[in-house]
Amino acid sequence: MARVTISVNGAERSAEVEARTLLVEFLREGLGLTGTHVGCDTSQCGACCVLVDGRSVKGCTVLALQVAGRDVTTIEGLASNGQFHPMQAAFKEHHGLQCGFCTPGMVMSAVDLASRTSSPSEAEIRHWLEGNVCRCTGYHNIVKAIQAGARAMGGGS
């Protein structure tokens, strides 16, 4: 067991973890932040995407100890003062979800993309999302939502 301290959604959180504890397990089981989903256990689906120091990572591919001392943002940490983050609002407005299981990972990945470019093309978005799988949609509304969210973010988170 080792003690890990991570800034999660702006608050410093510490816990004793086994060296093999994945970040997604730490968030879900250790902190009760269940918006980050586990979909495949093979790093294929992207449902577990979170931001680490502003960049999207799959929480099932990173150990909690590897992000000690860093800033982690989960889907629960995007909204501010009761208001959706612009990307969350765009997903709602453009119906970029159906069942919602993949949505947290899609939103987190999209926030990273939008922080890099405020006007991603459809091709850029589809390429970026290759690591995020949605089993319900044809991605059309997800792409529209990300384009709108990126414009609303203005190239920054």
N, C-alpha and C. Protein backbone atom coordinates (compact mmCIF):
# COMPACT_ATOMS: atom_id res chain seq x y z
N MET A 1 0.85 -1.19 0.00
CA MET A 1 0.00 0.00 0.00
C MET A 1 0.89 1.24 0.00
N ALA A 2 0.40 2.24 -0.70
CA ALA A 2 1.11 3.51 -0.79
C ALA A 2 0.09 4.64 -0.69
N ARG A 3 0.52 5.75 -0.15
CA ARG A 3 -0.36 6.91 -0.04
C ARG A 3 -0.22 7.74 -1.31
N VAL A 4 -1.35 8.11 -1.90
CA VAL A 4 -1.35 8.94 -3.09
C VAL A 4 -2.19 10.18 -2.82
N THR A 5 -1.69 11.32 -3.30
CA THR A 5 -2.42 12.58 -3.20
C THR A 5 -2.54 13.15 -4.61
N ILE A 6 -3.79 13.40 -5.00
CA ILE A 6 -4.09 13.89 -6.34
C ILE A 6 -5.09 15.03 -6.20
N SER A 7 -4.92 16.08 -6.99
CA SER A 7 -5.92 17.13 -7.04
C SER A 7 -7.01 16.66 -8.01
N VAL A 8 -8.20 16.42 -7.47
CA VAL A 8 -9.31 15.92 -8.27
C VAL A 8 -10.42 16.97 -8.26
N ASN A 9 -10.73 17.47 -9.43
CA ASN A 9 -11.77 18.50 -9.58
C ASN A 9 -11.52 19.69 -8.66
N GLY A 10 -10.25 20.03 -8.52
CA GLY A 10 -9.87 21.21 -7.75
C GLY A 10 -9.68 21.00 -6.26
N ALA A 11 -9.88 19.78 -5.78
CA ALA A 11 -9.71 19.50 -4.36
C ALA A 11 -8.65 18.41 -4.17
N GLU A 12 -7.75 18.63 -3.24
CA GLU A 12 -6.72 17.64 -2.98
C GLU A 12 -7.33 16.44 -2.27
N ARG A 13 -7.09 15.25 -2.85
CA ARG A 13 -7.64 14.02 -2.29
C ARG A 13 -6.49 13.05 -2.05
N SER A 14 -6.50 12.41 -0.89
CA SER A 14 -5.46 11.44 -0.54
C SER A 14 -6.10 10.12 -0.12
N ALA A 15 -5.38 9.05 -0.41
CA ALA A 15 -5.87 7.73 -0.01
C ALA A 15 -4.72 6.74 -0.07
N GLU A 16 -4.90 5.65 0.66
CA GLU A 16 -3.97 4.52 0.57
C GLU A 16 -4.44 3.65 -0.58
N VAL A 17 -3.53 3.33 -1.49
CA VAL A 17 -3.88 2.50 -2.64
C VAL A 17 -2.83 1.41 -2.83
N GLU A 18 -3.25 0.34 -3.46
CA GLU A 18 -2.29 -0.66 -3.88
C GLU A 18 -1.55 -0.10 -5.09
N ALA A 19 -0.33 -0.53 -5.29
CA ALA A 19 0.47 -0.02 -6.40
C ALA A 19 -0.20 -0.28 -7.75
N ARG A 20 -1.03 -1.28 -7.84
CA ARG A 20 -1.67 -1.65 -9.11
C ARG A 20 -3.03 -0.97 -9.31
N THR A 21 -3.44 -0.09 -8.43
CA THR A 21 -4.74 0.56 -8.54
C THR A 21 -4.76 1.51 -9.73
N LEU A 22 -5.71 1.27 -10.62
CA LEU A 22 -5.87 2.14 -11.79
C LEU A 22 -6.53 3.45 -11.39
N LEU A 23 -6.24 4.50 -12.14
CA LEU A 23 -6.85 5.79 -11.86
C LEU A 23 -8.37 5.70 -11.87
N VAL A 24 -8.94 4.99 -12.82
CA VAL A 24 -10.39 4.87 -12.89
C VAL A 24 -10.94 4.18 -11.63
N GLU A 25 -10.23 3.21 -11.10
CA GLU A 25 -10.67 2.55 -9.86
C GLU A 25 -10.58 3.51 -8.68
N PHE A 26 -9.50 4.27 -8.61
CA PHE A 26 -9.33 5.26 -7.55
C PHE A 26 -10.49 6.26 -7.57
N LEU A 27 -10.85 6.74 -8.77
CA LEU A 27 -11.91 7.73 -8.89
C LEU A 27 -13.27 7.13 -8.53
N ARG A 28 -13.58 5.99 -9.09
CA ARG A 28 -14.90 5.38 -8.89
C ARG A 28 -15.06 4.77 -7.51
N GLU A 29 -14.13 3.93 -7.13
CA GLU A 29 -14.27 3.18 -5.88
C GLU A 29 -13.72 3.94 -4.67
N GLY A 30 -12.63 4.64 -4.88
CA GLY A 30 -12.03 5.37 -3.77
C GLY A 30 -12.70 6.69 -3.46
N LEU A 31 -13.14 7.40 -4.52
CA LEU A 31 -13.72 8.73 -4.31
C LEU A 31 -15.21 8.80 -4.60
N GLY A 32 -15.78 7.74 -5.14
CA GLY A 32 -17.21 7.73 -5.44
C GLY A 32 -17.60 8.57 -6.63
N LEU A 33 -16.64 8.90 -7.50
CA LEU A 33 -16.91 9.68 -8.70
C LEU A 33 -17.24 8.71 -9.84
N THR A 34 -18.50 8.33 -9.92
CA THR A 34 -18.91 7.26 -10.83
C THR A 34 -19.28 7.74 -12.23
N GLY A 35 -19.09 9.02 -12.51
CA GLY A 35 -19.33 9.51 -13.86
C GLY A 35 -18.29 9.01 -14.85
N THR A 36 -17.13 8.67 -14.36
CA THR A 36 -16.09 8.07 -15.19
C THR A 36 -16.40 6.58 -15.28
N HIS A 37 -16.70 6.11 -16.48
CA HIS A 37 -17.17 4.73 -16.65
C HIS A 37 -16.08 3.77 -17.05
N VAL A 38 -16.28 2.51 -16.73
CA VAL A 38 -15.42 1.42 -17.18
C VAL A 38 -16.25 0.64 -18.19
N GLY A 39 -15.80 0.65 -19.44
CA GLY A 39 -16.61 0.01 -20.47
C GLY A 39 -16.04 -1.26 -21.05
N CYS A 40 -14.71 -1.36 -21.10
CA CYS A 40 -14.16 -2.50 -21.84
C CYS A 40 -13.02 -3.21 -21.13
N ASP A 41 -12.37 -2.56 -20.21
CA ASP A 41 -11.21 -3.13 -19.51
C ASP A 41 -10.03 -3.41 -20.43
N THR A 42 -10.06 -2.87 -21.64
CA THR A 42 -8.96 -3.12 -22.59
C THR A 42 -8.43 -1.84 -23.22
N SER A 43 -8.84 -0.70 -22.75
CA SER A 43 -8.46 0.63 -23.24
C SER A 43 -8.94 0.92 -24.66
N GLN A 44 -9.99 0.24 -25.09
CA GLN A 44 -10.50 0.43 -26.44
C GLN A 44 -11.65 1.44 -26.54
N CYS A 45 -12.46 1.57 -25.49
CA CYS A 45 -13.72 2.29 -25.65
C CYS A 45 -13.67 3.77 -25.28
N GLY A 46 -12.80 4.18 -24.39
CA GLY A 46 -12.70 5.59 -24.02
C GLY A 46 -13.72 6.08 -23.02
N ALA A 47 -14.56 5.20 -22.49
CA ALA A 47 -15.58 5.62 -21.52
C ALA A 47 -14.95 6.15 -20.23
N CYS A 48 -13.69 5.80 -20.00
CA CYS A 48 -13.01 6.20 -18.76
C CYS A 48 -12.13 7.45 -18.92
N CYS A 49 -12.29 8.19 -20.03
CA CYS A 49 -11.44 9.37 -20.24
C CYS A 49 -11.67 10.44 -19.18
N VAL A 50 -10.57 10.94 -18.69
CA VAL A 50 -10.55 12.08 -17.77
C VAL A 50 -9.45 13.01 -18.26
N LEU A 51 -9.37 14.18 -17.67
CA LEU A 51 -8.28 15.10 -18.00
C LEU A 51 -7.22 15.03 -16.91
N VAL A 52 -5.99 14.87 -17.32
CA VAL A 52 -4.85 14.94 -16.40
C VAL A 52 -4.01 16.11 -16.87
N ASP A 53 -3.92 17.13 -16.03
CA ASP A 53 -3.24 18.37 -16.40
C ASP A 53 -3.77 18.90 -17.72
N GLY A 54 -5.09 18.78 -17.92
CA GLY A 54 -5.75 19.34 -19.10
C GLY A 54 -5.75 18.48 -20.33
N ARG A 55 -5.12 17.33 -20.30
CA ARG A 55 -5.04 16.45 -21.47
C ARG A 55 -5.83 15.18 -21.19
N SER A 56 -6.56 14.71 -22.20
CA SER A 56 -7.38 13.51 -22.00
C SER A 56 -6.51 12.26 -21.94
N VAL A 57 -6.84 11.43 -20.98
CA VAL A 57 -6.19 10.13 -20.83
C VAL A 57 -7.26 9.11 -20.47
N LYS A 58 -7.01 7.88 -20.83
CA LYS A 58 -7.91 6.80 -20.45
C LYS A 58 -7.53 6.36 -19.04
N GLY A 59 -8.46 6.52 -18.12
CA GLY A 59 -8.20 6.20 -16.72
C GLY A 59 -7.89 4.74 -16.46
N CYS A 60 -8.20 3.88 -17.44
CA CYS A 60 -7.90 2.45 -17.27
C CYS A 60 -6.48 2.12 -17.72
N THR A 61 -5.75 3.10 -18.23
CA THR A 61 -4.38 2.85 -18.70
C THR A 61 -3.33 3.51 -17.82
N VAL A 62 -3.78 4.18 -16.77
CA VAL A 62 -2.89 4.94 -15.90
C VAL A 62 -3.09 4.48 -14.46
N LEU A 63 -2.01 4.28 -13.76
CA LEU A 63 -2.09 3.96 -12.35
C LEU A 63 -2.34 5.23 -11.54
N ALA A 64 -3.06 5.10 -10.46
CA ALA A 64 -3.30 6.25 -9.59
C ALA A 64 -1.98 6.87 -9.13
N LEU A 65 -1.01 6.03 -8.81
CA LEU A 65 0.28 6.55 -8.35
C LEU A 65 1.00 7.36 -9.42
N GLN A 66 0.71 7.10 -10.69
CA GLN A 66 1.36 7.84 -11.77
C GLN A 66 0.88 9.28 -11.87
N VAL A 67 -0.27 9.58 -11.31
CA VAL A 67 -0.78 10.95 -11.38
C VAL A 67 -0.71 11.66 -10.04
N ALA A 68 0.07 11.11 -9.13
CA ALA A 68 0.25 11.76 -7.82
C ALA A 68 0.77 13.18 -8.03
N GLY A 69 0.15 14.12 -7.34
CA GLY A 69 0.58 15.51 -7.41
C GLY A 69 0.10 16.25 -8.64
N ARG A 70 -0.70 15.61 -9.47
CA ARG A 70 -1.18 16.25 -10.69
C ARG A 70 -2.65 16.62 -10.57
N ASP A 71 -3.14 17.35 -11.55
CA ASP A 71 -4.54 17.79 -11.57
C ASP A 71 -5.37 16.87 -12.44
N VAL A 72 -6.39 16.25 -11.86
CA VAL A 72 -7.30 15.39 -12.59
C VAL A 72 -8.68 16.03 -12.58
N THR A 73 -9.30 16.08 -13.76
CA THR A 73 -10.66 16.58 -13.87
C THR A 73 -11.53 15.47 -14.42
N THR A 74 -12.63 15.21 -13.73
CA THR A 74 -13.60 14.22 -14.18
C THR A 74 -14.82 14.96 -14.71
N ILE A 75 -15.75 14.20 -15.27
CA ILE A 75 -16.98 14.81 -15.78
C ILE A 75 -17.71 15.59 -14.68
N GLU A 76 -17.60 15.12 -13.44
CA GLU A 76 -18.25 15.82 -12.32
C GLU A 76 -17.62 17.18 -12.06
N GLY A 77 -16.39 17.37 -12.49
CA GLY A 77 -15.68 18.62 -12.21
C GLY A 77 -15.77 19.66 -13.31
N LEU A 78 -16.47 19.36 -14.41
CA LEU A 78 -16.55 20.32 -15.51
C LEU A 78 -17.52 21.46 -15.25
N ALA A 79 -18.68 21.15 -14.73
CA ALA A 79 -19.69 22.19 -14.48
C ALA A 79 -19.16 23.16 -13.43
N SER A 80 -19.63 24.38 -13.52
CA SER A 80 -19.19 25.41 -12.57
C SER A 80 -20.38 26.23 -12.11
N ASN A 81 -20.51 26.38 -10.81
CA ASN A 81 -21.59 27.17 -10.23
C ASN A 81 -22.96 26.75 -10.75
N GLY A 82 -23.16 25.44 -10.89
CA GLY A 82 -24.44 24.94 -11.34
C GLY A 82 -24.69 25.09 -12.83
N GLN A 83 -23.71 25.55 -13.57
CA GLN A 83 -23.85 25.74 -15.01
C GLN A 83 -23.01 24.70 -15.76
N PHE A 84 -23.60 24.09 -16.77
CA PHE A 84 -22.85 23.15 -17.59
C PHE A 84 -21.62 23.82 -18.19
N HIS A 85 -20.57 23.05 -18.34
CA HIS A 85 -19.41 23.46 -19.13
C HIS A 85 -19.93 23.63 -20.57
N PRO A 86 -19.33 24.51 -21.38
CA PRO A 86 -19.81 24.70 -22.76
C PRO A 86 -19.89 23.40 -23.56
N MET A 87 -18.97 22.46 -23.34
CA MET A 87 -19.02 21.21 -24.10
C MET A 87 -20.20 20.35 -23.63
N GLN A 88 -20.46 20.34 -22.32
CA GLN A 88 -21.62 19.60 -21.82
C GLN A 88 -22.91 20.20 -22.39
N ALA A 89 -22.99 21.51 -22.40
CA ALA A 89 -24.18 22.19 -22.93
C ALA A 89 -24.36 21.88 -24.41
N ALA A 90 -23.27 21.83 -25.16
CA ALA A 90 -23.36 21.53 -26.59
C ALA A 90 -23.83 20.09 -26.81
N PHE A 91 -23.35 19.15 -26.00
CA PHE A 91 -23.82 17.77 -26.13
C PHE A 91 -25.32 17.68 -25.85
N LYS A 92 -25.79 18.44 -24.88
CA LYS A 92 -27.22 18.45 -24.58
C LYS A 92 -28.00 19.10 -25.72
N GLU A 93 -27.56 20.24 -26.16
CA GLU A 93 -28.28 20.99 -27.20
C GLU A 93 -28.33 20.23 -28.53
N HIS A 94 -27.26 19.56 -28.90
CA HIS A 94 -27.18 18.88 -30.19
C HIS A 94 -27.46 17.39 -30.09
N HIS A 95 -27.97 16.98 -28.96
CA HIS A 95 -28.31 15.57 -28.69
C HIS A 95 -27.16 14.65 -29.10
N GLY A 96 -25.98 14.94 -28.51
CA GLY A 96 -24.79 14.15 -28.81
C GLY A 96 -24.70 12.91 -27.94
N LEU A 97 -25.83 12.35 -27.58
CA LEU A 97 -25.84 11.15 -26.75
C LEU A 97 -27.12 10.39 -26.99
N GLN A 98 -27.09 9.12 -26.67
CA GLN A 98 -28.33 8.35 -26.63
C GLN A 98 -28.43 7.69 -25.27
N CYS A 99 -27.76 6.57 -25.07
CA CYS A 99 -27.86 5.92 -23.76
C CYS A 99 -27.06 6.68 -22.70
N GLY A 100 -26.02 7.39 -23.12
CA GLY A 100 -25.23 8.20 -22.21
C GLY A 100 -24.02 7.53 -21.61
N PHE A 101 -23.85 6.23 -21.84
CA PHE A 101 -22.74 5.53 -21.20
C PHE A 101 -21.38 6.07 -21.65
N CYS A 102 -21.21 6.32 -22.93
CA CYS A 102 -19.93 6.80 -23.45
C CYS A 102 -19.77 8.31 -23.29
N THR A 103 -20.85 9.01 -23.00
CA THR A 103 -20.86 10.47 -23.03
C THR A 103 -19.81 11.13 -22.14
N PRO A 104 -19.61 10.72 -20.89
CA PRO A 104 -18.58 11.38 -20.09
C PRO A 104 -17.19 11.32 -20.75
N GLY A 105 -16.83 10.16 -21.26
CA GLY A 105 -15.54 10.02 -21.93
C GLY A 105 -15.45 10.84 -23.19
N MET A 106 -16.54 10.87 -23.95
CA MET A 106 -16.59 11.68 -25.18
C MET A 106 -16.42 13.16 -24.84
N VAL A 107 -17.14 13.62 -23.83
CA VAL A 107 -17.07 15.04 -23.44
C VAL A 107 -15.66 15.39 -22.98
N MET A 108 -15.07 14.55 -22.16
CA MET A 108 -13.72 14.86 -21.65
C MET A 108 -12.71 14.89 -22.79
N SER A 109 -12.80 13.94 -23.69
CA SER A 109 -11.90 13.92 -24.84
C SER A 109 -12.13 15.15 -25.71
N ALA A 110 -13.39 15.52 -25.90
CA ALA A 110 -13.73 16.69 -26.71
C ALA A 110 -13.22 17.99 -26.10
N VAL A 111 -13.26 18.09 -24.78
CA VAL A 111 -12.73 19.28 -24.11
C VAL A 111 -11.24 19.44 -24.41
N ASP A 112 -10.52 18.33 -24.39
CA ASP A 112 -9.09 18.37 -24.72
C ASP A 112 -8.90 18.84 -26.16
N LEU A 113 -9.64 18.27 -27.09
CA LEU A 113 -9.53 18.68 -28.50
C LEU A 113 -9.83 20.16 -28.65
N ALA A 114 -10.91 20.60 -28.04
CA ALA A 114 -11.32 22.00 -28.17
C ALA A 114 -10.33 22.96 -27.51
N SER A 115 -9.58 22.47 -26.53
CA SER A 115 -8.56 23.34 -25.91
C SER A 115 -7.39 23.54 -26.87
N ARG A 116 -7.30 22.68 -27.87
CA ARG A 116 -6.22 22.76 -28.85
C ARG A 116 -6.63 23.54 -30.10
N THR A 117 -7.92 23.48 -30.45
CA THR A 117 -8.42 24.19 -31.62
C THR A 117 -9.88 24.56 -31.42
N SER A 118 -10.22 25.79 -31.72
CA SER A 118 -11.60 26.24 -31.50
C SER A 118 -12.50 25.94 -32.69
N SER A 119 -11.91 25.41 -33.77
CA SER A 119 -12.72 25.13 -34.95
C SER A 119 -12.28 23.83 -35.61
N PRO A 120 -12.43 22.71 -34.90
CA PRO A 120 -12.02 21.44 -35.49
C PRO A 120 -12.96 21.02 -36.63
N SER A 121 -12.39 20.48 -37.68
CA SER A 121 -13.20 19.99 -38.79
C SER A 121 -13.85 18.66 -38.41
N GLU A 122 -14.81 18.25 -39.21
CA GLU A 122 -15.45 16.96 -38.97
C GLU A 122 -14.41 15.84 -39.03
N ALA A 123 -13.51 15.92 -40.00
CA ALA A 123 -12.47 14.89 -40.12
C ALA A 123 -11.55 14.87 -38.90
N GLU A 124 -11.18 16.06 -38.40
CA GLU A 124 -10.33 16.12 -37.19
C GLU A 124 -11.04 15.51 -35.99
N ILE A 125 -12.32 15.81 -35.86
CA ILE A 125 -13.08 15.29 -34.72
C ILE A 125 -13.19 13.77 -34.83
N ARG A 126 -13.54 13.27 -35.99
CA ARG A 126 -13.68 11.83 -36.16
C ARG A 126 -12.35 11.11 -35.92
N HIS A 127 -11.26 11.71 -36.36
CA HIS A 127 -9.94 11.11 -36.09
C HIS A 127 -9.65 11.13 -34.59
N TRP A 128 -9.92 12.26 -33.95
CA TRP A 128 -9.67 12.41 -32.51
C TRP A 128 -10.46 11.38 -31.70
N LEU A 129 -11.66 11.09 -32.15
CA LEU A 129 -12.55 10.18 -31.41
C LEU A 129 -12.31 8.71 -31.72
N GLU A 130 -11.28 8.39 -32.47
CA GLU A 130 -11.03 6.99 -32.78
C GLU A 130 -10.85 6.14 -31.53
N GLY A 131 -10.45 6.73 -30.43
CA GLY A 131 -10.28 6.00 -29.18
C GLY A 131 -11.50 6.02 -28.28
N ASN A 132 -12.60 6.59 -28.78
CA ASN A 132 -13.85 6.64 -28.02
C ASN A 132 -14.94 5.96 -28.83
N VAL A 133 -15.58 4.97 -28.23
CA VAL A 133 -16.59 4.19 -28.94
C VAL A 133 -17.98 4.49 -28.41
N CYS A 134 -18.89 4.74 -29.34
CA CYS A 134 -20.31 4.87 -29.02
C CYS A 134 -21.02 3.76 -29.76
N ARG A 135 -21.76 2.96 -29.04
CA ARG A 135 -22.45 1.83 -29.66
C ARG A 135 -23.87 2.19 -30.09
N CYS A 136 -24.34 3.39 -29.76
CA CYS A 136 -25.74 3.75 -30.03
C CYS A 136 -25.91 4.67 -31.23
N THR A 137 -24.96 5.57 -31.47
CA THR A 137 -25.17 6.60 -32.48
C THR A 137 -24.30 6.36 -33.70
N GLY A 138 -24.53 7.16 -34.70
CA GLY A 138 -23.68 7.16 -35.89
C GLY A 138 -22.66 8.28 -35.82
N TYR A 139 -22.50 8.90 -34.67
CA TYR A 139 -21.53 9.95 -34.40
C TYR A 139 -21.90 11.31 -35.00
N HIS A 140 -22.90 11.38 -35.85
CA HIS A 140 -23.24 12.64 -36.50
C HIS A 140 -23.51 13.75 -35.47
N ASN A 141 -24.38 13.47 -34.51
CA ASN A 141 -24.72 14.49 -33.51
C ASN A 141 -23.56 14.74 -32.55
N ILE A 142 -22.74 13.74 -32.31
CA ILE A 142 -21.56 13.94 -31.46
C ILE A 142 -20.61 14.92 -32.13
N VAL A 143 -20.40 14.76 -33.43
CA VAL A 143 -19.53 15.68 -34.18
C VAL A 143 -20.09 17.09 -34.13
N LYS A 144 -21.40 17.23 -34.38
CA LYS A 144 -22.02 18.56 -34.32
C LYS A 144 -21.86 19.17 -32.93
N ALA A 145 -22.05 18.36 -31.91
CA ALA A 145 -21.93 18.86 -30.54
C ALA A 145 -20.51 19.33 -30.25
N ILE A 146 -19.53 18.57 -30.69
CA ILE A 146 -18.13 18.95 -30.43
C ILE A 146 -17.77 20.22 -31.18
N GLN A 147 -18.26 20.37 -32.41
CA GLN A 147 -17.98 21.60 -33.14
C GLN A 147 -18.59 22.80 -32.42
N ALA A 148 -19.83 22.65 -31.96
CA ALA A 148 -20.49 23.75 -31.23
C ALA A 148 -19.80 24.02 -29.90
N GLY A 149 -19.44 22.96 -29.19
CA GLY A 149 -18.77 23.13 -27.91
C GLY A 149 -17.42 23.80 -28.07
N ALA A 150 -16.69 23.42 -29.11
CA ALA A 150 -15.38 24.03 -29.36
C ALA A 150 -15.52 25.51 -29.65
N ARG A 151 -16.54 25.86 -30.46
CA ARG A 151 -16.76 27.29 -30.74
C ARG A 151 -17.10 28.03 -29.44
N ALA A 152 -17.94 27.43 -28.63
CA ALA A 152 -18.35 28.07 -27.37
C ALA A 152 -17.16 28.23 -26.41
N MET A 153 -16.25 27.25 -26.45
CA MET A 153 -15.06 27.33 -25.58
C MET A 153 -14.06 28.34 -26.10
N GLY A 154 -14.10 28.63 -27.38
CA GLY A 154 -13.18 29.59 -27.96
C GLY A 154 -11.73 29.15 -27.95
N GLY A 155 -11.50 27.85 -27.98
CA GLY A 155 -10.12 27.34 -28.01
C GLY A 155 -9.49 27.19 -26.64
N GLY A 156 -10.25 27.38 -25.59
CA GLY A 156 -9.73 27.21 -24.22
C GLY A 156 -10.75 26.55 -23.35
N SER A 157 -10.30 25.94 -22.27
CA SER A 157 -11.23 25.25 -21.38
C SER A 157 -11.70 26.18 -20.29
